[in-house]
């Protein structure tokens, strides 16, 4: 009987402790308000109410302890982070993309293609064809700059799944939001008023990849839409033209440009953008960290219709000072 009472007291004490929450500040402007269950040297475990989240110490900026938590624990949404949570343990960032709060389950390529196929699109211009992928449900998508370079007449081909069948839909009301010619990235948005909510891709972490790890790409090589190719990460730090790329044995061909390179958890870890033409299995992708930086600072890369083909933005020159102006303090 005494053991039962002791156990009950321990459970009650645990419930009292759970009434207190810590505010955990993470990298990428993410803030959690949750109960810390266990702290270890290299990671911490927190209770989100519907799941237990493991957070690497390297992602934690600061922990504020002693704040009260409401009866239903959740992730705190603040204007600064605009971060929300879903039962799938994903975080949406104010910059318009989504990441996983905890690593998704590893699946095989067949399962992942069924889950991700709708989020990968074909990007067409009068002079070129490439691939792209949605980063949120509002029609924002990523592709390569070289796919749309010098063009303003764009169309996006999407495959919507309806009643188990894929239906092709072409959207022609597309705007260019931001461009980064130097790192070969462009942010587009479908602005068709009749467009539905789109399936999107989670952005992963290329730093967590291991050389030899399986990856796969979905794209439209030579216009063959929804083509899937698989390979491994050959190296994570291939320097070319002053930039670092992921090198992969995944087959990359013209038309794959702008499409996602996925890990086996279904997260985009890069944007496929080039290959060595006189070799086989020598494809390259822009690491997803560069993609996040581009999105986090997309206002700095905002597209200007006055100077569409130039990555630089020029300010107007100052006007000449008059004699009266020169005398003012």
C-alpha atoms as a PDB file:
ATOM      1  CA  UNK A   1       0.000   0.000   0.000  1.00  0.00           C
ATOM      2  CA  UNK A   2       2.834   2.379   0.891  1.00  0.00           C
ATOM      3  CA  UNK A   3       4.391   1.759  -2.510  1.00  0.00           C
ATOM      4  CA  UNK A   4       1.117   2.665  -4.228  1.00  0.00           C
ATOM      5  CA  UNK A   5       0.871   5.878  -2.207  1.00  0.00           C
ATOM      6  CA  UNK A   6       4.465   6.722  -3.023  1.00  0.00           C
ATOM      7  CA  UNK A   7       3.815   6.098  -6.702  1.00  0.00           C
ATOM      8  CA  UNK A   8       0.697   8.272  -6.612  1.00  0.00           C
ATOM      9  CA  UNK A   9       2.624  11.035  -4.925  1.00  0.00           C
ATOM     10  CA  UNK A  10       5.328  10.806  -7.577  1.00  0.00           C
ATOM     11  CA  UNK A  11       2.737  10.979 -10.359  1.00  0.00           C
ATOM     12  CA  UNK A  12       1.090  13.979  -8.683  1.00  0.00           C
ATOM     13  CA  UNK A  13       4.456  15.687  -8.340  1.00  0.00           C
ATOM     14  CA  UNK A  14       5.093  15.038 -12.016  1.00  0.00           C
ATOM     15  CA  UNK A  15       1.771  16.640 -12.936  1.00  0.00           C
ATOM     16  CA  UNK A  16       2.633  19.704 -10.867  1.00  0.00           C
ATOM     17  CA  UNK A  17       5.972  20.007 -12.603  1.00  0.00           C
ATOM     18  CA  UNK A  18       4.279  19.779 -16.000  1.00  0.00           C
ATOM     19  CA  UNK A  19       2.345  22.929 -15.190  1.00  0.00           C
ATOM     20  CA  UNK A  20       5.615  24.816 -15.576  1.00  0.00           C
ATOM     21  CA  UNK A  21       6.949  25.427 -19.057  1.00  0.00           C
ATOM     22  CA  UNK A  22      10.230  26.635 -20.459  1.00  0.00           C
ATOM     23  CA  UNK A  23      10.600  28.972 -23.393  1.00  0.00           C
ATOM     24  CA  UNK A  24      13.205  27.497 -25.731  1.00  0.00           C
ATOM     25  CA  UNK A  25      14.757  29.780 -28.306  1.00  0.00           C
ATOM     26  CA  UNK A  26      16.064  27.882 -31.331  1.00  0.00           C
ATOM     27  CA  UNK A  27      17.984  28.880 -34.421  1.00  0.00           C
ATOM     28  CA  UNK A  28      16.130  30.231 -37.493  1.00  0.00           C
ATOM     29  CA  UNK A  29      13.990  32.490 -35.244  1.00  0.00           C
ATOM     30  CA  UNK A  30      11.930  29.599 -33.855  1.00  0.00           C
ATOM     31  CA  UNK A  31      10.582  29.693 -30.291  1.00  0.00           C
ATOM     32  CA  UNK A  32       8.984  26.810 -28.381  1.00  0.00           C
ATOM     33  CA  UNK A  33       6.942  27.038 -25.186  1.00  0.00           C
ATOM     34  CA  UNK A  34       6.974  23.515 -23.740  1.00  0.00           C
ATOM     35  CA  UNK A  35       7.947  21.343 -20.790  1.00  0.00           C
ATOM     36  CA  UNK A  36      11.492  19.975 -20.799  1.00  0.00           C
ATOM     37  CA  UNK A  37      11.369  16.313 -19.781  1.00  0.00           C
ATOM     38  CA  UNK A  38      15.035  15.351 -19.945  1.00  0.00           C
ATOM     39  CA  UNK A  39      18.253  17.249 -20.583  1.00  0.00           C
ATOM     40  CA  UNK A  40      21.362  15.479 -21.855  1.00  0.00           C
ATOM     41  CA  UNK A  41      24.777  16.732 -22.894  1.00  0.00           C
ATOM     42  CA  UNK A  42      24.033  16.760 -26.635  1.00  0.00           C
ATOM     43  CA  UNK A  43      20.238  17.027 -26.755  1.00  0.00           C
ATOM     44  CA  UNK A  44      17.053  17.816 -24.827  1.00  0.00           C
ATOM     45  CA  UNK A  45      13.589  16.235 -24.864  1.00  0.00           C
ATOM     46  CA  UNK A  46      10.432  18.355 -24.605  1.00  0.00           C
ATOM     47  CA  UNK A  47       6.750  17.496 -24.319  1.00  0.00           C
ATOM     48  CA  UNK A  48       4.578  19.188 -26.970  1.00  0.00           C
ATOM     49  CA  UNK A  49       1.390  17.570 -25.729  1.00  0.00           C
ATOM     50  CA  UNK A  50       0.827  15.330 -28.757  1.00  0.00           C
ATOM     51  CA  UNK A  51       4.403  14.121 -29.115  1.00  0.00           C
ATOM     52  CA  UNK A  52       7.846  14.130 -27.516  1.00  0.00           C
ATOM     53  CA  UNK A  53      10.373  16.233 -29.426  1.00  0.00           C
ATOM     54  CA  UNK A  54      14.130  15.608 -29.421  1.00  0.00           C
ATOM     55  CA  UNK A  55      16.151  18.782 -30.022  1.00  0.00           C
ATOM     56  CA  UNK A  56      19.925  18.764 -30.643  1.00  0.00           C
ATOM     57  CA  UNK A  57      21.827  21.130 -28.353  1.00  0.00           C
ATOM     58  CA  UNK A  58      23.419  22.671 -31.418  1.00  0.00           C
ATOM     59  CA  UNK A  59      19.996  24.058 -32.403  1.00  0.00           C
ATOM     60  CA  UNK A  60      19.272  25.654 -29.001  1.00  0.00           C
ATOM     61  CA  UNK A  61      20.168  29.308 -28.585  1.00  0.00           C
ATOM     62  CA  UNK A  62      18.790  29.901 -25.058  1.00  0.00           C
ATOM     63  CA  UNK A  63      16.360  28.400 -22.536  1.00  0.00           C
ATOM     64  CA  UNK A  64      14.155  30.595 -20.319  1.00  0.00           C
ATOM     65  CA  UNK A  65      12.803  28.569 -17.386  1.00  0.00           C
ATOM     66  CA  UNK A  66       9.917  29.014 -14.971  1.00  0.00           C
ATOM     67  CA  UNK A  67       7.115  30.278 -17.247  1.00  0.00           C
ATOM     68  CA  UNK A  68       3.616  28.942 -16.723  1.00  0.00           C
ATOM     69  CA  UNK A  69       2.082  26.759 -19.414  1.00  0.00           C
ATOM     70  CA  UNK A  70      -1.628  26.520 -20.141  1.00  0.00           C
ATOM     71  CA  UNK A  71      -3.464  23.224 -19.625  1.00  0.00           C
ATOM     72  CA  UNK A  72      -3.022  22.378 -23.288  1.00  0.00           C
ATOM     73  CA  UNK A  73       0.659  22.540 -24.201  1.00  0.00           C
ATOM     74  CA  UNK A  74       1.438  23.879 -27.625  1.00  0.00           C
ATOM     75  CA  UNK A  75       4.043  25.710 -29.598  1.00  0.00           C
ATOM     76  CA  UNK A  76       3.809  29.397 -28.924  1.00  0.00           C
ATOM     77  CA  UNK A  77       3.103  31.580 -31.918  1.00  0.00           C
ATOM     78  CA  UNK A  78       4.687  35.024 -31.795  1.00  0.00           C
ATOM     79  CA  UNK A  79       4.593  37.838 -34.349  1.00  0.00           C
ATOM     80  CA  UNK A  80       8.383  37.695 -34.600  1.00  0.00           C
ATOM     81  CA  UNK A  81       8.496  34.059 -35.679  1.00  0.00           C
ATOM     82  CA  UNK A  82       4.992  33.435 -37.033  1.00  0.00           C
ATOM     83  CA  UNK A  83       5.711  29.793 -36.237  1.00  0.00           C
ATOM     84  CA  UNK A  84       2.862  27.293 -35.984  1.00  0.00           C
ATOM     85  CA  UNK A  85       2.656  23.577 -35.330  1.00  0.00           C
ATOM     86  CA  UNK A  86       0.698  20.757 -36.922  1.00  0.00           C
ATOM     87  CA  UNK A  87       0.165  17.160 -35.768  1.00  0.00           C
ATOM     88  CA  UNK A  88       2.869  16.231 -38.270  1.00  0.00           C
ATOM     89  CA  UNK A  89       5.394  18.143 -36.126  1.00  0.00           C
ATOM     90  CA  UNK A  90       6.216  20.733 -38.773  1.00  0.00           C
ATOM     91  CA  UNK A  91       7.061  24.400 -38.332  1.00  0.00           C
ATOM     92  CA  UNK A  92       6.067  27.119 -40.768  1.00  0.00           C
ATOM     93  CA  UNK A  93       8.433  30.077 -40.881  1.00  0.00           C
ATOM     94  CA  UNK A  94       7.449  33.660 -41.547  1.00  0.00           C
ATOM     95  CA  UNK A  95       9.603  33.541 -44.677  1.00  0.00           C
ATOM     96  CA  UNK A  96       7.116  31.115 -46.237  1.00  0.00           C
ATOM     97  CA  UNK A  97       8.739  27.697 -45.964  1.00  0.00           C
ATOM     98  CA  UNK A  98       8.235  24.672 -43.719  1.00  0.00           C
ATOM     99  CA  UNK A  99      10.642  22.497 -41.766  1.00  0.00           C
ATOM    100  CA  UNK A 100      10.224  19.428 -39.558  1.00  0.00           C
ATOM    101  CA  UNK A 101      10.447  19.870 -35.792  1.00  0.00           C
ATOM    102  CA  UNK A 102      11.582  16.267 -35.478  1.00  0.00           C
ATOM    103  CA  UNK A 103      13.042  14.006 -38.193  1.00  0.00           C
ATOM    104  CA  UNK A 104      10.280  12.395 -40.288  1.00  0.00           C
ATOM    105  CA  UNK A 105      10.150   8.625 -40.648  1.00  0.00           C
ATOM    106  CA  UNK A 106      12.447   7.069 -43.233  1.00  0.00           C
ATOM    107  CA  UNK A 107      10.445   5.599 -46.116  1.00  0.00           C
ATOM    108  CA  UNK A 108      11.238   3.952 -49.422  1.00  0.00           C
ATOM    109  CA  UNK A 109      11.253   5.900 -52.679  1.00  0.00           C
ATOM    110  CA  UNK A 110       7.932   4.478 -53.840  1.00  0.00           C
ATOM    111  CA  UNK A 111       6.102   5.756 -50.749  1.00  0.00           C
ATOM    112  CA  UNK A 112       7.785   9.130 -50.864  1.00  0.00           C
ATOM    113  CA  UNK A 113       7.059   9.692 -54.555  1.00  0.00           C
ATOM    114  CA  UNK A 114       3.345   9.123 -53.874  1.00  0.00           C
ATOM    115  CA  UNK A 115       3.484  11.636 -51.027  1.00  0.00           C
ATOM    116  CA  UNK A 116       5.595  14.278 -52.779  1.00  0.00           C
ATOM    117  CA  UNK A 117       4.623  14.006 -56.436  1.00  0.00           C
ATOM    118  CA  UNK A 118       2.004  16.760 -56.334  1.00  0.00           C
ATOM    119  CA  UNK A 119       4.481  19.238 -54.843  1.00  0.00           C
ATOM    120  CA  UNK A 120       6.951  18.980 -57.747  1.00  0.00           C
ATOM    121  CA  UNK A 121       6.091  20.992 -60.859  1.00  0.00           C
ATOM    122  CA  UNK A 122       7.264  21.732 -64.379  1.00  0.00           C
ATOM    123  CA  UNK A 123       8.306  25.325 -65.134  1.00  0.00           C
ATOM    124  CA  UNK A 124       7.984  26.522 -68.734  1.00  0.00           C
ATOM    125  CA  UNK A 125       9.026  29.685 -70.546  1.00  0.00           C
ATOM    126  CA  UNK A 126       9.024  30.410 -74.304  1.00  0.00           C
ATOM    127  CA  UNK A 127      12.728  29.530 -74.410  1.00  0.00           C
ATOM    128  CA  UNK A 128      13.302  26.966 -71.661  1.00  0.00           C
ATOM    129  CA  UNK A 129      11.869  24.184 -69.554  1.00  0.00           C
ATOM    130  CA  UNK A 130      12.766  23.169 -66.022  1.00  0.00           C
ATOM    131  CA  UNK A 131      11.419  21.907 -62.738  1.00  0.00           C
ATOM    132  CA  UNK A 132      10.446  23.405 -59.401  1.00  0.00           C
ATOM    133  CA  UNK A 133       8.715  22.627 -56.121  1.00  0.00           C
ATOM    134  CA  UNK A 134       6.219  24.293 -53.806  1.00  0.00           C
ATOM    135  CA  UNK A 135       7.450  25.491 -50.425  1.00  0.00           C
ATOM    136  CA  UNK A 136       3.996  26.385 -49.055  1.00  0.00           C
ATOM    137  CA  UNK A 137       0.311  25.944 -49.809  1.00  0.00           C
ATOM    138  CA  UNK A 138      -0.080  29.490 -51.163  1.00  0.00           C
ATOM    139  CA  UNK A 139       1.618  28.738 -54.472  1.00  0.00           C
ATOM    140  CA  UNK A 140       5.160  29.906 -53.708  1.00  0.00           C
ATOM    141  CA  UNK A 141       7.714  27.718 -55.454  1.00  0.00           C
ATOM    142  CA  UNK A 142      11.462  27.472 -55.959  1.00  0.00           C
ATOM    143  CA  UNK A 143      13.289  26.914 -59.237  1.00  0.00           C
ATOM    144  CA  UNK A 144      16.655  27.828 -60.787  1.00  0.00           C
ATOM    145  CA  UNK A 145      17.327  31.349 -62.010  1.00  0.00           C
ATOM    146  CA  UNK A 146      18.743  30.043 -65.280  1.00  0.00           C
ATOM    147  CA  UNK A 147      15.365  28.400 -66.055  1.00  0.00           C
ATOM    148  CA  UNK A 148      13.571  31.765 -66.135  1.00  0.00           C
ATOM    149  CA  UNK A 149      16.471  34.090 -66.980  1.00  0.00           C
ATOM    150  CA  UNK A 150      15.369  36.895 -69.288  1.00  0.00           C
ATOM    151  CA  UNK A 151      11.756  35.664 -69.334  1.00  0.00           C
ATOM    152  CA  UNK A 152       8.555  37.050 -67.849  1.00  0.00           C
ATOM    153  CA  UNK A 153       5.999  34.824 -69.595  1.00  0.00           C
ATOM    154  CA  UNK A 154       5.948  31.816 -67.292  1.00  0.00           C
ATOM    155  CA  UNK A 155       3.656  28.822 -66.886  1.00  0.00           C
ATOM    156  CA  UNK A 156       3.602  26.174 -64.161  1.00  0.00           C
ATOM    157  CA  UNK A 157       2.358  22.654 -64.828  1.00  0.00           C
ATOM    158  CA  UNK A 158       0.975  20.948 -61.722  1.00  0.00           C
ATOM    159  CA  UNK A 159      -0.428  17.462 -61.252  1.00  0.00           C
ATOM    160  CA  UNK A 160      -3.341  17.479 -58.806  1.00  0.00           C
ATOM    161  CA  UNK A 161      -4.506  14.198 -57.312  1.00  0.00           C
ATOM    162  CA  UNK A 162      -8.282  13.849 -57.412  1.00  0.00           C
ATOM    163  CA  UNK A 163     -10.061  10.622 -56.438  1.00  0.00           C
ATOM    164  CA  UNK A 164      -6.843   8.695 -56.843  1.00  0.00           C
ATOM    165  CA  UNK A 165      -6.193  10.100 -60.328  1.00  0.00           C
ATOM    166  CA  UNK A 166      -3.647  12.698 -61.396  1.00  0.00           C
ATOM    167  CA  UNK A 167      -4.999  15.653 -63.352  1.00  0.00           C
ATOM    168  CA  UNK A 168      -2.699  18.016 -65.250  1.00  0.00           C
ATOM    169  CA  UNK A 169      -3.325  21.714 -64.680  1.00  0.00           C
ATOM    170  CA  UNK A 170      -1.357  24.567 -66.254  1.00  0.00           C
ATOM    171  CA  UNK A 171      -1.222  27.918 -64.443  1.00  0.00           C
ATOM    172  CA  UNK A 172      -0.168  30.923 -66.494  1.00  0.00           C
ATOM    173  CA  UNK A 173      -0.705  33.692 -63.963  1.00  0.00           C
ATOM    174  CA  UNK A 174       2.733  33.525 -62.362  1.00  0.00           C
ATOM    175  CA  UNK A 175       4.810  36.296 -60.823  1.00  0.00           C
ATOM    176  CA  UNK A 176       8.528  36.446 -60.136  1.00  0.00           C
ATOM    177  CA  UNK A 177       9.031  37.299 -56.448  1.00  0.00           C
ATOM    178  CA  UNK A 178      12.807  37.175 -55.921  1.00  0.00           C
ATOM    179  CA  UNK A 179      15.905  36.151 -57.882  1.00  0.00           C
ATOM    180  CA  UNK A 180      19.507  35.365 -57.005  1.00  0.00           C
ATOM    181  CA  UNK A 181      21.507  34.960 -60.188  1.00  0.00           C
ATOM    182  CA  UNK A 182      24.770  34.304 -58.369  1.00  0.00           C
ATOM    183  CA  UNK A 183      23.424  31.224 -56.578  1.00  0.00           C
ATOM    184  CA  UNK A 184      21.009  30.305 -59.382  1.00  0.00           C
ATOM    185  CA  UNK A 185      17.714  30.543 -57.461  1.00  0.00           C
ATOM    186  CA  UNK A 186      14.334  32.096 -58.160  1.00  0.00           C
ATOM    187  CA  UNK A 187      11.182  32.364 -56.061  1.00  0.00           C
ATOM    188  CA  UNK A 188       7.908  32.348 -58.012  1.00  0.00           C
ATOM    189  CA  UNK A 189       4.252  32.458 -57.032  1.00  0.00           C
ATOM    190  CA  UNK A 190       1.101  31.235 -58.761  1.00  0.00           C
ATOM    191  CA  UNK A 191      -1.403  34.067 -58.344  1.00  0.00           C
ATOM    192  CA  UNK A 192      -4.370  32.482 -60.106  1.00  0.00           C
ATOM    193  CA  UNK A 193      -7.475  33.387 -58.055  1.00  0.00           C
ATOM    194  CA  UNK A 194      -9.018  29.972 -58.722  1.00  0.00           C
ATOM    195  CA  UNK A 195      -5.931  28.036 -57.662  1.00  0.00           C
ATOM    196  CA  UNK A 196      -6.405  25.559 -54.787  1.00  0.00           C
ATOM    197  CA  UNK A 197      -4.140  25.109 -51.803  1.00  0.00           C
ATOM    198  CA  UNK A 198      -1.003  23.353 -53.007  1.00  0.00           C
ATOM    199  CA  UNK A 199       0.889  20.406 -51.539  1.00  0.00           C
ATOM    200  CA  UNK A 200       4.352  21.533 -50.491  1.00  0.00           C
ATOM    201  CA  UNK A 201       7.783  20.146 -49.640  1.00  0.00           C
ATOM    202  CA  UNK A 202       9.538  20.352 -46.273  1.00  0.00           C
ATOM    203  CA  UNK A 203      13.029  21.826 -46.326  1.00  0.00           C
ATOM    204  CA  UNK A 204      15.570  19.611 -44.577  1.00  0.00           C
ATOM    205  CA  UNK A 205      19.181  20.011 -43.478  1.00  0.00           C
ATOM    206  CA  UNK A 206      21.982  19.218 -45.913  1.00  0.00           C
ATOM    207  CA  UNK A 207      24.550  19.351 -43.088  1.00  0.00           C
ATOM    208  CA  UNK A 208      23.005  16.237 -41.538  1.00  0.00           C
ATOM    209  CA  UNK A 209      23.546  14.213 -44.718  1.00  0.00           C
ATOM    210  CA  UNK A 210      26.257  11.576 -44.786  1.00  0.00           C
ATOM    211  CA  UNK A 211      28.417  10.763 -47.793  1.00  0.00           C
ATOM    212  CA  UNK A 212      27.009   7.588 -49.302  1.00  0.00           C
ATOM    213  CA  UNK A 213      23.474   8.314 -48.061  1.00  0.00           C
ATOM    214  CA  UNK A 214      20.629   7.546 -50.462  1.00  0.00           C
ATOM    215  CA  UNK A 215      18.881  10.479 -52.137  1.00  0.00           C
ATOM    216  CA  UNK A 216      16.515  10.853 -55.081  1.00  0.00           C
ATOM    217  CA  UNK A 217      15.264  13.540 -57.454  1.00  0.00           C
ATOM    218  CA  UNK A 218      11.905  14.251 -59.077  1.00  0.00           C
ATOM    219  CA  UNK A 219      11.792  16.474 -62.147  1.00  0.00           C
ATOM    220  CA  UNK A 220      11.194  16.818 -65.879  1.00  0.00           C
ATOM    221  CA  UNK A 221      14.404  15.825 -67.685  1.00  0.00           C
ATOM    222  CA  UNK A 222      14.040  16.608 -71.401  1.00  0.00           C
ATOM    223  CA  UNK A 223      10.385  17.435 -70.694  1.00  0.00           C
ATOM    224  CA  UNK A 224       9.569  13.966 -69.346  1.00  0.00           C
ATOM    225  CA  UNK A 225       7.546  15.158 -66.367  1.00  0.00           C
ATOM    226  CA  UNK A 226       7.445  13.334 -63.010  1.00  0.00           C
ATOM    227  CA  UNK A 227      10.645  11.400 -63.707  1.00  0.00           C
ATOM    228  CA  UNK A 228      12.237   9.863 -60.615  1.00  0.00           C
ATOM    229  CA  UNK A 229      15.968   9.093 -60.379  1.00  0.00           C
ATOM    230  CA  UNK A 230      17.874   7.741 -57.379  1.00  0.00           C
ATOM    231  CA  UNK A 231      21.486   7.795 -56.247  1.00  0.00           C
ATOM    232  CA  UNK A 232      23.721   8.627 -53.307  1.00  0.00           C
ATOM    233  CA  UNK A 233      25.464  11.674 -51.908  1.00  0.00           C
ATOM    234  CA  UNK A 234      28.927  11.535 -53.488  1.00  0.00           C
ATOM    235  CA  UNK A 235      30.290  14.496 -51.518  1.00  0.00           C
ATOM    236  CA  UNK A 236      28.756  17.380 -49.580  1.00  0.00           C
ATOM    237  CA  UNK A 237      31.381  20.009 -50.354  1.00  0.00           C
ATOM    238  CA  UNK A 238      32.201  20.090 -54.054  1.00  0.00           C
ATOM    239  CA  UNK A 239      33.590  23.549 -54.890  1.00  0.00           C
ATOM    240  CA  UNK A 240      32.679  24.906 -58.303  1.00  0.00           C
ATOM    241  CA  UNK A 241      32.891  28.535 -59.310  1.00  0.00           C
ATOM    242  CA  UNK A 242      33.419  29.673 -55.742  1.00  0.00           C
ATOM    243  CA  UNK A 243      30.294  27.934 -54.409  1.00  0.00           C
ATOM    244  CA  UNK A 244      29.863  24.644 -52.557  1.00  0.00           C
ATOM    245  CA  UNK A 245      27.491  22.041 -54.001  1.00  0.00           C
ATOM    246  CA  UNK A 246      26.145  18.637 -53.103  1.00  0.00           C
ATOM    247  CA  UNK A 247      27.535  16.134 -55.596  1.00  0.00           C
ATOM    248  CA  UNK A 248      25.289  13.160 -56.278  1.00  0.00           C
ATOM    249  CA  UNK A 249      25.230  10.070 -58.453  1.00  0.00           C
ATOM    250  CA  UNK A 250      21.516  10.739 -59.027  1.00  0.00           C
ATOM    251  CA  UNK A 251      21.000  11.218 -62.766  1.00  0.00           C
ATOM    252  CA  UNK A 252      20.479  14.915 -63.550  1.00  0.00           C
ATOM    253  CA  UNK A 253      19.632  16.041 -67.089  1.00  0.00           C
ATOM    254  CA  UNK A 254      18.403  19.225 -68.792  1.00  0.00           C
ATOM    255  CA  UNK A 255      14.885  19.783 -67.488  1.00  0.00           C
ATOM    256  CA  UNK A 256      15.735  18.599 -63.965  1.00  0.00           C
ATOM    257  CA  UNK A 257      17.036  22.100 -63.216  1.00  0.00           C
ATOM    258  CA  UNK A 258      15.166  23.669 -60.310  1.00  0.00           C
ATOM    259  CA  UNK A 259      13.744  20.408 -59.034  1.00  0.00           C
ATOM    260  CA  UNK A 260      14.261  19.034 -55.520  1.00  0.00           C
ATOM    261  CA  UNK A 261      16.838  16.538 -54.319  1.00  0.00           C
ATOM    262  CA  UNK A 262      15.240  14.570 -51.473  1.00  0.00           C
ATOM    263  CA  UNK A 263      16.599  12.557 -48.577  1.00  0.00           C
ATOM    264  CA  UNK A 264      14.854   9.339 -47.577  1.00  0.00           C
ATOM    265  CA  UNK A 265      12.692  11.210 -45.092  1.00  0.00           C
ATOM    266  CA  UNK A 266      11.045  13.178 -47.891  1.00  0.00           C
ATOM    267  CA  UNK A 267      12.756  16.480 -47.098  1.00  0.00           C
ATOM    268  CA  UNK A 268      14.313  18.623 -49.812  1.00  0.00           C
ATOM    269  CA  UNK A 269      18.055  18.827 -49.137  1.00  0.00           C
ATOM    270  CA  UNK A 270      19.006  20.629 -52.338  1.00  0.00           C
ATOM    271  CA  UNK A 271      17.976  22.083 -55.700  1.00  0.00           C
ATOM    272  CA  UNK A 272      19.334  20.163 -58.685  1.00  0.00           C
ATOM    273  CA  UNK A 273      20.919  22.623 -61.074  1.00  0.00           C
ATOM    274  CA  UNK A 274      23.742  21.151 -63.185  1.00  0.00           C
ATOM    275  CA  UNK A 275      25.756  18.123 -64.303  1.00  0.00           C
ATOM    276  CA  UNK A 276      29.031  17.365 -66.032  1.00  0.00           C
ATOM    277  CA  UNK A 277      27.941  16.548 -69.563  1.00  0.00           C
ATOM    278  CA  UNK A 278      30.917  14.395 -70.545  1.00  0.00           C
ATOM    279  CA  UNK A 279      30.479  12.034 -67.567  1.00  0.00           C
ATOM    280  CA  UNK A 280      27.800   9.885 -65.966  1.00  0.00           C
ATOM    281  CA  UNK A 281      26.481  10.123 -62.426  1.00  0.00           C
ATOM    282  CA  UNK A 282      28.048  13.534 -61.865  1.00  0.00           C
ATOM    283  CA  UNK A 283      25.124  15.714 -60.836  1.00  0.00           C
ATOM    284  CA  UNK A 284      25.079  18.710 -58.520  1.00  0.00           C
ATOM    285  CA  UNK A 285      22.567  20.403 -56.260  1.00  0.00           C
ATOM    286  CA  UNK A 286      22.475  23.693 -54.352  1.00  0.00           C
ATOM    287  CA  UNK A 287      22.460  22.841 -50.610  1.00  0.00           C
ATOM    288  CA  UNK A 288      19.193  23.617 -48.865  1.00  0.00           C
ATOM    289  CA  UNK A 289      20.981  25.900 -46.389  1.00  0.00           C
ATOM    290  CA  UNK A 290      21.576  28.355 -49.234  1.00  0.00           C
ATOM    291  CA  UNK A 291      17.894  28.063 -50.157  1.00  0.00           C
ATOM    292  CA  UNK A 292      16.818  28.979 -46.626  1.00  0.00           C
ATOM    293  CA  UNK A 293      19.202  31.962 -46.631  1.00  0.00           C
ATOM    294  CA  UNK A 294      17.712  33.128 -49.932  1.00  0.00           C
ATOM    295  CA  UNK A 295      14.174  32.822 -48.556  1.00  0.00           C
ATOM    296  CA  UNK A 296      15.054  34.418 -45.223  1.00  0.00           C
ATOM    297  CA  UNK A 297      16.392  37.454 -47.106  1.00  0.00           C
ATOM    298  CA  UNK A 298      14.090  37.376 -50.101  1.00  0.00           C
ATOM    299  CA  UNK A 299      13.285  41.078 -49.771  1.00  0.00           C
ATOM    300  CA  UNK A 300      16.926  41.840 -50.488  1.00  0.00           C
ATOM    301  CA  UNK A 301      16.657  39.752 -53.661  1.00  0.00           C
ATOM    302  CA  UNK A 302      13.278  41.192 -54.693  1.00  0.00           C
ATOM    303  CA  UNK A 303      12.659  41.060 -58.434  1.00  0.00           C
ATOM    304  CA  UNK A 304      12.472  44.400 -60.227  1.00  0.00           C
ATOM    305  CA  UNK A 305      10.383  44.576 -63.403  1.00  0.00           C
ATOM    306  CA  UNK A 306      12.306  47.732 -64.361  1.00  0.00           C
ATOM    307  CA  UNK A 307      15.510  45.720 -64.658  1.00  0.00           C
ATOM    308  CA  UNK A 308      14.393  42.092 -65.049  1.00  0.00           C
ATOM    309  CA  UNK A 309      17.568  40.560 -66.451  1.00  0.00           C
ATOM    310  CA  UNK A 310      20.020  42.030 -63.976  1.00  0.00           C
ATOM    311  CA  UNK A 311      20.643  40.635 -60.474  1.00  0.00           C
ATOM    312  CA  UNK A 312      21.881  43.998 -59.233  1.00  0.00           C
ATOM    313  CA  UNK A 313      19.538  46.692 -57.963  1.00  0.00           C
ATOM    314  CA  UNK A 314      20.730  50.235 -58.548  1.00  0.00           C
ATOM    315  CA  UNK A 315      19.658  53.256 -56.514  1.00  0.00           C
ATOM    316  CA  UNK A 316      19.016  56.542 -58.335  1.00  0.00           C
ATOM    317  CA  UNK A 317      21.987  58.933 -58.200  1.00  0.00           C
ATOM    318  CA  UNK A 318      21.693  61.878 -55.794  1.00  0.00           C
ATOM    319  CA  UNK A 319      20.600  65.145 -57.327  1.00  0.00           C
ATOM    320  CA  UNK A 320      22.955  68.121 -57.419  1.00  0.00           C
ATOM    321  CA  UNK A 321      22.863  70.368 -54.388  1.00  0.00           C
ATOM    322  CA  UNK A 322      21.750  73.917 -54.930  1.00  0.00           C
ATOM    323  CA  UNK A 323      23.667  76.799 -53.388  1.00  0.00           C
ATOM    324  CA  UNK A 324      20.920  77.261 -50.801  1.00  0.00           C
ATOM    325  CA  UNK A 325      21.020  73.554 -49.858  1.00  0.00           C
ATOM    326  CA  UNK A 326      24.793  73.624 -49.409  1.00  0.00           C
ATOM    327  CA  UNK A 327      24.485  76.355 -46.764  1.00  0.00           C
ATOM    328  CA  UNK A 328      22.076  74.337 -44.611  1.00  0.00           C
ATOM    329  CA  UNK A 329      23.560  72.454 -41.617  1.00  0.00           C
END
